Amino acid sequence: MRAALVAVYVLHSTGVYSARALRLRATTLRGIGVVAVDEEFPLPPGPLEGGAEPLTAAMTARLEEAGARAGGCELVLTPAVPPGTEGPWRRWRAR
């Protein structure tokens, strides 16, 4: 979570773009690697460091709803890229 939020901060502070959400993609580690969750979670208002806990809680709850556990999945967090943004950062991912 912290690595993804650092990426959001760096992209914003350098003027590349301002992310408003993080995308969580969770793929199970057993079987054929089923995608359990693939959705965006909005960043809470306020400082980024204050948003880590609520985001983690929301993502954990969504994983549980999908019948998955964080320890049993590959978790990929990606800063959501605003529509129309161009450049190599469209594919940046934190693992």
PDB file of N, CA and C in Angstrom:
ATOM      1  N   MET A   1       0.823  -1.174   0.000  1.00  0.00           N
ATOM      2  CA  MET A   1       0.000   0.000   0.000  1.00  0.00           C
ATOM      3  C   MET A   1       0.875   1.250   0.000  1.00  0.00           C
ATOM      4  N   ARG A   2       1.880   1.251   0.873  1.00  0.00           N
ATOM      5  CA  ARG A   2       2.727   2.450   0.954  1.00  0.00           C
ATOM      6  C   ARG A   2       3.448   2.725  -0.365  1.00  0.00           C
ATOM      7  N   ALA A   3       3.932   1.673  -1.031  1.00  0.00           N
ATOM      8  CA  ALA A   3       4.633   1.873  -2.306  1.00  0.00           C
ATOM      9  C   ALA A   3       3.701   2.483  -3.341  1.00  0.00           C
ATOM     10  N   ALA A   4       2.474   2.016  -3.398  1.00  0.00           N
ATOM     11  CA  ALA A   4       1.518   2.565  -4.355  1.00  0.00           C
ATOM     12  C   ALA A   4       1.187   4.014  -4.020  1.00  0.00           C
ATOM     13  N   LEU A   5       1.044   4.331  -2.727  1.00  0.00           N
ATOM     14  CA  LEU A   5       0.744   5.704  -2.336  1.00  0.00           C
ATOM     15  C   LEU A   5       1.933   6.632  -2.582  1.00  0.00           C
ATOM     16  N   VAL A   6       3.155   6.113  -2.442  1.00  0.00           N
ATOM     17  CA  VAL A   6       4.344   6.908  -2.788  1.00  0.00           C
ATOM     18  C   VAL A   6       4.322   7.214  -4.283  1.00  0.00           C
ATOM     19  N   ALA A   7       3.946   6.240  -5.089  1.00  0.00           N
ATOM     20  CA  ALA A   7       3.857   6.469  -6.531  1.00  0.00           C
ATOM     21  C   ALA A   7       2.829   7.550  -6.843  1.00  0.00           C
ATOM     22  N   VAL A   8       1.686   7.516  -6.168  1.00  0.00           N
ATOM     23  CA  VAL A   8       0.660   8.546  -6.361  1.00  0.00           C
ATOM     24  C   VAL A   8       1.247   9.916  -6.030  1.00  0.00           C
ATOM     25  N   TYR A   9       1.961  10.006  -4.904  1.00  0.00           N
ATOM     26  CA  TYR A   9       2.564  11.280  -4.483  1.00  0.00           C
ATOM     27  C   TYR A   9       3.587  11.774  -5.507  1.00  0.00           C
ATOM     28  N   VAL A  10       4.483  10.892  -5.944  1.00  0.00           N
ATOM     29  CA  VAL A  10       5.534  11.289  -6.882  1.00  0.00           C
ATOM     30  C   VAL A  10       4.925  11.734  -8.210  1.00  0.00           C
ATOM     31  N   LEU A  11       3.953  10.991  -8.705  1.00  0.00           N
ATOM     32  CA  LEU A  11       3.325  11.372  -9.970  1.00  0.00           C
ATOM     33  C   LEU A  11       2.633  12.727  -9.848  1.00  0.00           C
ATOM     34  N   HIS A  12       2.020  12.976  -8.705  1.00  0.00           N
ATOM     35  CA  HIS A  12       1.336  14.263  -8.486  1.00  0.00           C
ATOM     36  C   HIS A  12       2.336  15.405  -8.298  1.00  0.00           C
ATOM     37  N   SER A  13       3.321  15.189  -7.432  1.00  0.00           N
ATOM     38  CA  SER A  13       4.263  16.280  -7.111  1.00  0.00           C
ATOM     39  C   SER A  13       5.155  16.659  -8.283  1.00  0.00           C
ATOM     40  N   THR A  14       5.391  15.744  -9.210  1.00  0.00           N
ATOM     41  CA  THR A  14       6.200  16.059 -10.384  1.00  0.00           C
ATOM     42  C   THR A  14       5.356  16.591 -11.536  1.00  0.00           C
ATOM     43  N   GLY A  15       4.045  16.633 -11.334  1.00  0.00           N
ATOM     44  CA  GLY A  15       3.159  17.187 -12.346  1.00  0.00           C
ATOM     45  C   GLY A  15       2.815  16.249 -13.478  1.00  0.00           C
ATOM     46  N   VAL A  16       3.124  14.959 -13.331  1.00  0.00           N
ATOM     47  CA  VAL A  16       2.791  13.999 -14.388  1.00  0.00           C
ATOM     48  C   VAL A  16       1.272  13.858 -14.477  1.00  0.00           C
ATOM     49  N   TYR A  17       0.625  13.528 -13.384  1.00  0.00           N
ATOM     50  CA  TYR A  17      -0.835  13.531 -13.272  1.00  0.00           C
ATOM     51  C   TYR A  17      -1.227  13.306 -11.825  1.00  0.00           C
ATOM     52  N   SER A  18      -2.482  13.584 -11.526  1.00  0.00           N
ATOM     53  CA  SER A  18      -2.999  13.391 -10.169  1.00  0.00           C
ATOM     54  C   SER A  18      -3.942  12.199 -10.157  1.00  0.00           C
ATOM     55  N   ALA A  19      -3.520  11.107  -9.558  1.00  0.00           N
ATOM     56  CA  ALA A  19      -4.370   9.927  -9.442  1.00  0.00           C
ATOM     57  C   ALA A  19      -5.427  10.180  -8.385  1.00  0.00           C
ATOM     58  N   ARG A  20      -6.611   9.694  -8.624  1.00  0.00           N
ATOM     59  CA  ARG A  20      -7.714   9.843  -7.679  1.00  0.00           C
ATOM     60  C   ARG A  20      -8.157   8.503  -7.107  1.00  0.00           C
ATOM     61  N   ALA A  21      -7.505   7.422  -7.571  1.00  0.00           N
ATOM     62  CA  ALA A  21      -7.900   6.081  -7.128  1.00  0.00           C
ATOM     63  C   ALA A  21      -6.730   5.126  -7.289  1.00  0.00           C
ATOM     64  N   LEU A  22      -6.811   3.996  -6.603  1.00  0.00           N
ATOM     65  CA  LEU A  22      -5.878   2.880  -6.792  1.00  0.00           C
ATOM     66  C   LEU A  22      -6.670   1.700  -7.309  1.00  0.00           C
ATOM     67  N   ARG A  23      -6.111   0.984  -8.279  1.00  0.00           N
ATOM     68  CA  ARG A  23      -6.741  -0.230  -8.785  1.00  0.00           C
ATOM     69  C   ARG A  23      -6.101  -1.415  -8.078  1.00  0.00           C
ATOM     70  N   LEU A  24      -6.944  -2.303  -7.562  1.00  0.00           N
ATOM     71  CA  LEU A  24      -6.486  -3.556  -6.961  1.00  0.00           C
ATOM     72  C   LEU A  24      -6.836  -4.687  -7.906  1.00  0.00           C
ATOM     73  N   ARG A  25      -5.832  -5.479  -8.249  1.00  0.00           N
ATOM     74  CA  ARG A  25      -6.056  -6.708  -9.017  1.00  0.00           C
ATOM     75  C   ARG A  25      -5.482  -7.836  -8.181  1.00  0.00           C
ATOM     76  N   ALA A  26      -6.351  -8.735  -7.757  1.00  0.00           N
ATOM     77  CA  ALA A  26      -5.954  -9.875  -6.925  1.00  0.00           C
ATOM     78  C   ALA A  26      -6.183 -11.156  -7.721  1.00  0.00           C
ATOM     79  N   THR A  27      -5.113 -11.914  -7.900  1.00  0.00           N
ATOM     80  CA  THR A  27      -5.170 -13.176  -8.637  1.00  0.00           C
ATOM     81  C   THR A  27      -4.800 -14.299  -7.681  1.00  0.00           C
ATOM     82  N   THR A  28      -5.638 -15.326  -7.616  1.00  0.00           N
ATOM     83  CA  THR A  28      -5.385 -16.428  -6.688  1.00  0.00           C
ATOM     84  C   THR A  28      -4.095 -17.156  -7.044  1.00  0.00           C
ATOM     85  N   LEU A  29      -3.428 -17.668  -6.020  1.00  0.00           N
ATOM     86  CA  LEU A  29      -2.163 -18.376  -6.225  1.00  0.00           C
ATOM     87  C   LEU A  29      -2.375 -19.876  -6.425  1.00  0.00           C
ATOM     88  N   ARG A  30      -3.561 -20.362  -6.150  1.00  0.00           N
ATOM     89  CA  ARG A  30      -3.860 -21.783  -6.341  1.00  0.00           C
ATOM     90  C   ARG A  30      -4.613 -21.989  -7.645  1.00  0.00           C
ATOM     91  N   GLY A  31      -4.470 -23.151  -8.199  1.00  0.00           N
ATOM     92  CA  GLY A  31      -5.198 -23.460  -9.424  1.00  0.00           C
ATOM     93  C   GLY A  31      -4.625 -22.719 -10.614  1.00  0.00           C
ATOM     94  N   ILE A  32      -5.512 -22.186 -11.448  1.00  0.00           N
ATOM     95  CA  ILE A  32      -5.074 -21.547 -12.690  1.00  0.00           C
ATOM     96  C   ILE A  32      -4.917 -20.040 -12.566  1.00  0.00           C
ATOM     97  N   GLY A  33      -4.995 -19.509 -11.356  1.00  0.00           N
ATOM     98  CA  GLY A  33      -4.812 -18.079 -11.151  1.00  0.00           C
ATOM     99  C   GLY A  33      -6.031 -17.273 -11.558  1.00  0.00           C
ATOM    100  N   VAL A  34      -7.120 -17.498 -10.867  1.00  0.00           N
ATOM    101  CA  VAL A  34      -8.369 -16.799 -11.150  1.00  0.00           C
ATOM    102  C   VAL A  34      -8.297 -15.378 -10.599  1.00  0.00           C
ATOM    103  N   VAL A  35      -8.777 -14.415 -11.360  1.00  0.00           N
ATOM    104  CA  VAL A  35      -8.833 -13.030 -10.893  1.00  0.00           C
ATOM    105  C   VAL A  35     -10.009 -12.929  -9.920  1.00  0.00           C
ATOM    106  N   ALA A  36      -9.687 -12.687  -8.649  1.00  0.00           N
ATOM    107  CA  ALA A  36     -10.718 -12.602  -7.614  1.00  0.00           C
ATOM    108  C   ALA A  36     -11.288 -11.190  -7.522  1.00  0.00           C
ATOM    109  N   VAL A  37     -10.452 -10.187  -7.675  1.00  0.00           N
ATOM    110  CA  VAL A  37     -10.876  -8.778  -7.604  1.00  0.00           C
ATOM    111  C   VAL A  37     -10.078  -7.988  -8.628  1.00  0.00           C
ATOM    112  N   ASP A  38     -10.764  -7.129  -9.357  1.00  0.00           N
ATOM    113  CA  ASP A  38     -10.105  -6.202 -10.285  1.00  0.00           C
ATOM    114  C   ASP A  38     -10.969  -4.951 -10.331  1.00  0.00           C
ATOM    115  N   GLU A  39     -10.693  -4.017  -9.428  1.00  0.00           N
ATOM    116  CA  GLU A  39     -11.496  -2.798  -9.372  1.00  0.00           C
ATOM    117  C   GLU A  39     -10.735  -1.639  -8.751  1.00  0.00           C
ATOM    118  N   GLU A  40     -11.271  -0.449  -8.950  1.00  0.00           N
ATOM    119  CA  GLU A  40     -10.655   0.764  -8.420  1.00  0.00           C
ATOM    120  C   GLU A  40     -11.266   1.144  -7.084  1.00  0.00           C
ATOM    121  N   PHE A  41     -10.416   1.697  -6.219  1.00  0.00           N
ATOM    122  CA  PHE A  41     -10.833   2.190  -4.911  1.00  0.00           C
ATOM    123  C   PHE A  41     -10.441   3.663  -4.847  1.00  0.00           C
ATOM    124  N   PRO A  42     -11.409   4.555  -4.620  1.00  0.00           N
ATOM    125  CA  PRO A  42     -11.079   5.978  -4.571  1.00  0.00           C
ATOM    126  C   PRO A  42     -10.172   6.312  -3.393  1.00  0.00           C
ATOM    127  N   LEU A  43      -9.266   7.246  -3.617  1.00  0.00           N
ATOM    128  CA  LEU A  43      -8.403   7.721  -2.534  1.00  0.00           C
ATOM    129  C   LEU A  43      -9.241   8.574  -1.583  1.00  0.00           C
ATOM    130  N   PRO A  44      -9.117   8.338  -0.276  1.00  0.00           N
ATOM    131  CA  PRO A  44      -9.865   9.180   0.666  1.00  0.00           C
ATOM    132  C   PRO A  44      -9.317  10.595   0.652  1.00  0.00           C
ATOM    133  N   PRO A  45     -10.168  11.578   0.989  1.00  0.00           N
ATOM    134  CA  PRO A  45      -9.667  12.953   1.048  1.00  0.00           C
ATOM    135  C   PRO A  45      -8.649  13.114   2.172  1.00  0.00           C
ATOM    136  N   GLY A  46      -7.783  14.092   2.035  1.00  0.00           N
ATOM    137  CA  GLY A  46      -6.782  14.347   3.070  1.00  0.00           C
ATOM    138  C   GLY A  46      -5.416  13.844   2.670  1.00  0.00           C
ATOM    139  N   PRO A  47      -4.484  13.842   3.633  1.00  0.00           N
ATOM    140  CA  PRO A  47      -3.113  13.407   3.344  1.00  0.00           C
ATOM    141  C   PRO A  47      -3.057  11.935   2.922  1.00  0.00           C
ATOM    142  N   LEU A  48      -2.138  11.623   2.010  1.00  0.00           N
ATOM    143  CA  LEU A  48      -2.023  10.252   1.519  1.00  0.00           C
ATOM    144  C   LEU A  48      -1.704   9.261   2.629  1.00  0.00           C
ATOM    145  N   GLU A  49      -0.817   9.651   3.570  1.00  0.00           N
ATOM    146  CA  GLU A  49      -0.455   8.702   4.628  1.00  0.00           C
ATOM    147  C   GLU A  49      -1.663   8.348   5.493  1.00  0.00           C
ATOM    148  N   GLY A  50      -2.623   9.256   5.598  1.00  0.00           N
ATOM    149  CA  GLY A  50      -3.840   8.974   6.353  1.00  0.00           C
ATOM    150  C   GLY A  50      -4.801   8.074   5.597  1.00  0.00           C
ATOM    151  N   GLY A  51      -4.611   7.952   4.300  1.00  0.00           N
ATOM    152  CA  GLY A  51      -5.499   7.125   3.489  1.00  0.00           C
ATOM    153  C   GLY A  51      -5.129   5.666   3.427  1.00  0.00           C
ATOM    154  N   ALA A  52      -3.926   5.308   3.883  1.00  0.00           N
ATOM    155  CA  ALA A  52      -3.468   3.922   3.770  1.00  0.00           C
ATOM    156  C   ALA A  52      -4.358   2.959   4.553  1.00  0.00           C
ATOM    157  N   GLU A  53      -4.686   3.317   5.773  1.00  0.00           N
ATOM    158  CA  GLU A  53      -5.480   2.413   6.613  1.00  0.00           C
ATOM    159  C   GLU A  53      -6.899   2.200   6.069  1.00  0.00           C
ATOM    160  N   PRO A  54      -7.640   3.274   5.715  1.00  0.00           N
ATOM    161  CA  PRO A  54      -8.974   3.050   5.164  1.00  0.00           C
ATOM    162  C   PRO A  54      -8.956   2.286   3.840  1.00  0.00           C
ATOM    163  N   LEU A  55      -7.953   2.556   2.989  1.00  0.00           N
ATOM    164  CA  LEU A  55      -7.856   1.823   1.727  1.00  0.00           C
ATOM    165  C   LEU A  55      -7.580   0.344   1.967  1.00  0.00           C
ATOM    166  N   THR A  56      -6.665   0.064   2.893  1.00  0.00           N
ATOM    167  CA  THR A  56      -6.354  -1.329   3.216  1.00  0.00           C
ATOM    168  C   THR A  56      -7.589  -2.044   3.740  1.00  0.00           C
ATOM    169  N   ALA A  57      -8.344  -1.391   4.614  1.00  0.00           N
ATOM    170  CA  ALA A  57      -9.564  -1.996   5.165  1.00  0.00           C
ATOM    171  C   ALA A  57     -10.592  -2.260   4.063  1.00  0.00           C
ATOM    172  N   ALA A  58     -10.782  -1.296   3.162  1.00  0.00           N
ATOM    173  CA  ALA A  58     -11.754  -1.459   2.076  1.00  0.00           C
ATOM    174  C   ALA A  58     -11.347  -2.585   1.130  1.00  0.00           C
ATOM    175  N   MET A  59     -10.057  -2.653   0.810  1.00  0.00           N
ATOM    176  CA  MET A  59      -9.579  -3.697  -0.097  1.00  0.00           C
ATOM    177  C   MET A  59      -9.662  -5.074   0.550  1.00  0.00           C
ATOM    178  N   THR A  60      -9.319  -5.144   1.839  1.00  0.00           N
ATOM    179  CA  THR A  60      -9.409  -6.420   2.565  1.00  0.00           C
ATOM    180  C   THR A  60     -10.854  -6.897   2.620  1.00  0.00           C
ATOM    181  N   ALA A  61     -11.778  -5.987   2.891  1.00  0.00           N
ATOM    182  CA  ALA A  61     -13.201  -6.345   2.934  1.00  0.00           C
ATOM    183  C   ALA A  61     -13.667  -6.849   1.570  1.00  0.00           C
ATOM    184  N   ARG A  62     -13.216  -6.203   0.495  1.00  0.00           N
ATOM    185  CA  ARG A  62     -13.616  -6.631  -0.850  1.00  0.00           C
ATOM    186  C   ARG A  62     -13.048  -8.003  -1.180  1.00  0.00           C
ATOM    187  N   LEU A  63     -11.813  -8.267  -0.765  1.00  0.00           N
ATOM    188  CA  LEU A  63     -11.227  -9.594  -0.968  1.00  0.00           C
ATOM    189  C   LEU A  63     -12.047 -10.652  -0.244  1.00  0.00           C
ATOM    190  N   GLU A  64     -12.439 -10.357   1.007  1.00  0.00           N
ATOM    191  CA  GLU A  64     -13.239 -11.305   1.780  1.00  0.00           C
ATOM    192  C   GLU A  64     -14.588 -11.557   1.122  1.00  0.00           C
ATOM    193  N   GLU A  65     -15.212 -10.500   0.579  1.00  0.00           N
ATOM    194  CA  GLU A  65     -16.475 -10.660  -0.142  1.00  0.00           C
ATOM    195  C   GLU A  65     -16.310 -11.597  -1.339  1.00  0.00           C
ATOM    196  N   ALA A  66     -15.138 -11.540  -1.964  1.00  0.00           N
ATOM    197  CA  ALA A  66     -14.869 -12.382  -3.127  1.00  0.00           C
ATOM    198  C   ALA A  66     -14.417 -13.785  -2.724  1.00  0.00           C
ATOM    199  N   GLY A  67     -14.305 -14.039  -1.402  1.00  0.00           N
ATOM    200  CA  GLY A  67     -13.870 -15.350  -0.941  1.00  0.00           C
ATOM    201  C   GLY A  67     -12.379 -15.573  -1.059  1.00  0.00           C
ATOM    202  N   ALA A  68     -11.604 -14.493  -1.066  1.00  0.00           N
ATOM    203  CA  ALA A  68     -10.148 -14.592  -1.204  1.00  0.00           C
ATOM    204  C   ALA A  68      -9.472 -13.998   0.027  1.00  0.00           C
ATOM    205  N   ARG A  69      -8.209 -14.395   0.228  1.00  0.00           N
ATOM    206  CA  ARG A  69      -7.396 -13.828   1.307  1.00  0.00           C
ATOM    207  C   ARG A  69      -6.186 -13.164   0.672  1.00  0.00           C
ATOM    208  N   ALA A  70      -5.740 -12.077   1.284  1.00  0.00           N
ATOM    209  CA  ALA A  70      -4.579 -11.369   0.749  1.00  0.00           C
ATOM    210  C   ALA A  70      -3.363 -12.291   0.669  1.00  0.00           C
ATOM    211  N   GLY A  71      -3.180 -13.156   1.669  1.00  0.00           N
ATOM    212  CA  GLY A  71      -2.041 -14.071   1.686  1.00  0.00           C
ATOM    213  C   GLY A  71      -2.122 -15.171   0.650  1.00  0.00           C
ATOM    214  N   GLY A  72      -3.288 -15.366   0.048  1.00  0.00           N
ATOM    215  CA  GLY A  72      -3.465 -16.415  -0.952  1.00  0.00           C
ATOM    216  C   GLY A  72      -3.574 -15.877  -2.362  1.00  0.00           C
ATOM    217  N   CYS A  73      -3.191 -14.607  -2.543  1.00  0.00           N
ATOM    218  CA  CYS A  73      -3.319 -13.965  -3.856  1.00  0.00           C
ATOM    219  C   CYS A  73      -2.073 -13.170  -4.207  1.00  0.00           C
ATOM    220  N   GLU A  74      -1.844 -13.010  -5.495  1.00  0.00           N
ATOM    221  CA  GLU A  74      -0.896 -12.002  -5.963  1.00  0.00           C
ATOM    222  C   GLU A  74      -1.693 -10.701  -5.984  1.00  0.00           C
ATOM    223  N   LEU A  75      -1.200  -9.681  -5.287  1.00  0.00           N
ATOM    224  CA  LEU A  75      -1.880  -8.397  -5.228  1.00  0.00           C
ATOM    225  C   LEU A  75      -1.091  -7.378  -6.030  1.00  0.00           C
ATOM    226  N   VAL A  76      -1.752  -6.717  -6.960  1.00  0.00           N
ATOM    227  CA  VAL A  76      -1.121  -5.682  -7.766  1.00  0.00           C
ATOM    228  C   VAL A  76      -1.913  -4.399  -7.552  1.00  0.00           C
ATOM    229  N   LEU A  77      -1.233  -3.362  -7.049  1.00  0.00           N
ATOM    230  CA  LEU A  77      -1.844  -2.051  -6.854  1.00  0.00           C
ATOM    231  C   LEU A  77      -1.303  -1.109  -7.917  1.00  0.00           C
ATOM    232  N   THR A  78      -2.204  -0.421  -8.600  1.00  0.00           N
ATOM    233  CA  THR A  78      -1.827   0.476  -9.674  1.00  0.00           C
ATOM    234  C   THR A  78      -2.506   1.824  -9.475  1.00  0.00           C
ATOM    235  N   PRO A  79      -1.762   2.928  -9.507  1.00  0.00           N
ATOM    236  CA  PRO A  79      -2.442   4.230  -9.496  1.00  0.00           C
ATOM    237  C   PRO A  79      -3.322   4.329 -10.738  1.00  0.00           C
ATOM    238  N   ALA A  80      -4.577   4.690 -10.540  1.00  0.00           N
ATOM    239  CA  ALA A  80      -5.490   4.822 -11.676  1.00  0.00           C
ATOM    240  C   ALA A  80      -5.065   6.013 -12.522  1.00  0.00           C
ATOM    241  N   VAL A  81      -4.952   5.802 -13.808  1.00  0.00           N
ATOM    242  CA  VAL A  81      -4.499   6.841 -14.725  1.00  0.00           C
ATOM    243  C   VAL A  81      -5.720   7.555 -15.297  1.00  0.00           C
ATOM    244  N   PRO A  82      -5.746   8.894 -15.198  1.00  0.00           N
ATOM    245  CA  PRO A  82      -6.876   9.630 -15.757  1.00  0.00           C
ATOM    246  C   PRO A  82      -7.012   9.388 -17.260  1.00  0.00           C
ATOM    247  N   PRO A  83      -8.238   9.372 -17.773  1.00  0.00           N
ATOM    248  CA  PRO A  83      -8.436   9.177 -19.216  1.00  0.00           C
ATOM    249  C   PRO A  83      -7.665  10.225 -20.019  1.00  0.00           C
ATOM    250  N   GLY A  84      -7.080   9.794 -21.129  1.00  0.00           N
ATOM    251  CA  GLY A  84      -6.363  10.708 -21.999  1.00  0.00           C
ATOM    252  C   GLY A  84      -4.900  10.914 -21.644  1.00  0.00           C
ATOM    253  N   THR A  85      -4.439  10.309 -20.535  1.00  0.00           N
ATOM    254  CA  THR A  85      -3.040  10.438 -20.140  1.00  0.00           C
ATOM    255  C   THR A  85      -2.194   9.541 -21.029  1.00  0.00           C
ATOM    256  N   GLU A  86      -1.110  10.096 -21.560  1.00  0.00           N
ATOM    257  CA  GLU A  86      -0.238   9.312 -22.422  1.00  0.00           C
ATOM    258  C   GLU A  86       1.113   9.145 -21.772  1.00  0.00           C
ATOM    259  N   GLY A  87       1.843   8.143 -22.185  1.00  0.00           N
ATOM    260  CA  GLY A  87       3.191   7.937 -21.679  1.00  0.00           C
ATOM    261  C   GLY A  87       3.370   6.550 -21.099  1.00  0.00           C
ATOM    262  N   PRO A  88       4.617   6.210 -20.757  1.00  0.00           N
ATOM    263  CA  PRO A  88       4.911   4.863 -20.252  1.00  0.00           C
ATOM    264  C   PRO A  88       4.303   4.590 -18.892  1.00  0.00           C
ATOM    265  N   TRP A  89       3.932   5.622 -18.132  1.00  0.00           N
ATOM    266  CA  TRP A  89       3.383   5.428 -16.794  1.00  0.00           C
ATOM    267  C   TRP A  89       1.995   4.811 -16.825  1.00  0.00           C
ATOM    268  N   ARG A  90       1.401   4.637 -17.983  1.00  0.00           N
ATOM    269  CA  ARG A  90       0.090   3.989 -18.063  1.00  0.00           C
ATOM    270  C   ARG A  90       0.173   2.555 -17.541  1.00  0.00           C
ATOM    271  N   ARG A  91       1.347   1.966 -17.545  1.00  0.00           N
ATOM    272  CA  ARG A  91       1.470   0.568 -17.155  1.00  0.00           C
ATOM    273  C   ARG A  91       2.255   0.376 -15.872  1.00  0.00           C
ATOM    274  N   TRP A  92       2.515   1.432 -15.109  1.00  0.00           N
ATOM    275  CA  TRP A  92       3.264   1.312 -13.865  1.00  0.00           C
ATOM    276  C   TRP A  92       2.481   0.499 -12.853  1.00  0.00           C
ATOM    277  N   ARG A  93       3.158  -0.426 -12.133  1.00  0.00           N
ATOM    278  CA  ARG A  93       2.480  -1.260 -11.143  1.00  0.00           C
ATOM    279  C   ARG A  93       3.379  -1.435  -9.938  1.00  0.00           C
ATOM    280  N   ALA A  94       2.766  -1.507  -8.772  1.00  0.00           N
ATOM    281  CA  ALA A  94       3.496  -1.800  -7.521  1.00  0.00           C
ATOM    282  C   ALA A  94       3.081  -3.189  -7.080  1.00  0.00           C
ATOM    283  N   ARG A  95       4.058  -4.027  -6.806  1.00  0.00           N
ATOM    284  CA  ARG A  95       3.742  -5.382  -6.350  1.00  0.00           C
ATOM    285  C   ARG A  95       4.206  -5.542  -4.941  1.00  0.00           C
TER     286      ARG A  95
END
